[in-house]
């Protein structure tokens, strides 16, 4: 579980760096993503490089979380959380 949460944090950090690559400021990133301003400032200090593998990965993650596949992603997360809760009971 801890690994999964760590991966999600890493994925969101990549998306924040993607926004920074496109010129979004820290306040805008924090507001749009609902992340702490300090984390958004970190993304602005180290934006992704256009054309890099990380940028391509971040674009795919963004599409999954916020694009056309967002509803499918939310359903998968909800199902996982429901099964985890049932397992712990």
Protein backbone atom coordinates (compact mmCIF):
# COMPACT_ATOMS: atom_id res chain seq x y z
CA UNK A 1 0.00 0.00 0.00
CA UNK A 2 2.80 2.39 0.89
CA UNK A 3 4.46 1.70 -2.45
CA UNK A 4 1.21 2.47 -4.27
CA UNK A 5 0.80 5.80 -2.46
CA UNK A 6 4.41 6.67 -3.24
CA UNK A 7 3.87 5.94 -6.93
CA UNK A 8 0.78 8.14 -6.98
CA UNK A 9 2.75 10.99 -5.41
CA UNK A 10 5.48 10.53 -8.04
CA UNK A 11 2.90 10.55 -10.82
CA UNK A 12 1.31 13.75 -9.57
CA UNK A 13 4.74 15.35 -9.24
CA UNK A 14 5.41 14.53 -12.91
CA UNK A 15 2.12 16.12 -13.93
CA UNK A 16 2.99 19.23 -11.91
CA UNK A 17 6.35 19.39 -13.71
CA UNK A 18 4.48 19.01 -17.02
CA UNK A 19 2.36 22.06 -16.16
CA UNK A 20 5.56 23.92 -15.25
CA UNK A 21 7.09 22.93 -18.58
CA UNK A 22 4.13 24.63 -20.26
CA UNK A 23 4.74 27.82 -18.27
CA UNK A 24 2.14 27.50 -15.54
CA UNK A 25 3.21 29.21 -12.30
CA UNK A 26 3.34 27.54 -8.88
CA UNK A 27 0.13 29.12 -7.61
CA UNK A 28 -1.74 27.95 -10.70
CA UNK A 29 -0.36 24.44 -10.43
CA UNK A 30 -1.23 24.22 -6.74
CA UNK A 31 -4.76 25.44 -7.34
CA UNK A 32 -5.44 23.27 -10.38
CA UNK A 33 -4.03 20.09 -8.84
CA UNK A 34 -4.98 20.69 -5.20
CA UNK A 35 -1.39 20.20 -4.04
CA UNK A 36 0.62 22.22 -1.51
CA UNK A 37 2.18 25.38 -2.88
CA UNK A 38 5.63 24.18 -1.75
CA UNK A 39 5.31 21.10 -3.97
CA UNK A 40 4.16 23.23 -6.90
CA UNK A 41 7.15 25.53 -6.41
CA UNK A 42 9.39 22.47 -6.59
CA UNK A 43 7.83 21.54 -9.93
CA UNK A 44 8.43 25.06 -11.25
CA UNK A 45 12.08 24.85 -10.18
CA UNK A 46 12.50 21.62 -12.16
CA UNK A 47 10.09 21.53 -15.10
CA UNK A 48 10.19 18.63 -17.51
CA UNK A 49 12.18 18.91 -20.72
CA UNK A 50 10.03 19.05 -23.86
CA UNK A 51 10.38 15.87 -25.89
CA UNK A 52 11.78 13.87 -22.97
CA UNK A 53 10.53 10.44 -21.94
CA UNK A 54 9.38 11.92 -18.65
CA UNK A 55 7.30 14.51 -20.50
CA UNK A 56 5.70 11.78 -22.63
CA UNK A 57 4.94 9.75 -19.51
CA UNK A 58 3.50 12.79 -17.75
CA UNK A 59 1.24 13.55 -20.74
CA UNK A 60 -0.13 9.98 -20.62
CA UNK A 61 -0.68 10.21 -16.87
CA UNK A 62 -2.44 13.53 -17.32
CA UNK A 63 -4.76 12.03 -19.93
CA UNK A 64 -5.54 9.12 -17.61
CA UNK A 65 -6.28 11.31 -14.60
CA UNK A 66 -7.83 14.40 -16.20
CA UNK A 67 -8.53 13.58 -19.84
CA UNK A 68 -10.91 11.26 -21.68
CA UNK A 69 -9.98 8.28 -19.48
CA UNK A 70 -10.63 10.12 -16.19
CA UNK A 71 -13.99 8.47 -15.48
CA UNK A 72 -12.50 5.00 -16.03
CA UNK A 73 -9.59 5.86 -13.74
CA UNK A 74 -11.92 7.14 -10.98
CA UNK A 75 -14.01 3.97 -11.24
CA UNK A 76 -10.89 1.80 -10.92
CA UNK A 77 -9.72 3.75 -7.85
CA UNK A 78 -13.18 3.56 -6.24
CA UNK A 79 -13.32 -0.20 -6.85
CA UNK A 80 -9.84 -0.64 -5.37
CA UNK A 81 -10.72 1.41 -2.29
CA UNK A 82 -13.95 -0.54 -1.77
CA UNK A 83 -12.13 -3.87 -1.99
CA UNK A 84 -9.37 -2.65 0.32
CA UNK A 85 -11.96 -1.54 2.90
CA UNK A 86 -13.77 -4.89 2.69
CA UNK A 87 -10.46 -6.73 3.12
CA UNK A 88 -9.60 -4.76 6.26
CA UNK A 89 -13.01 -5.38 7.90
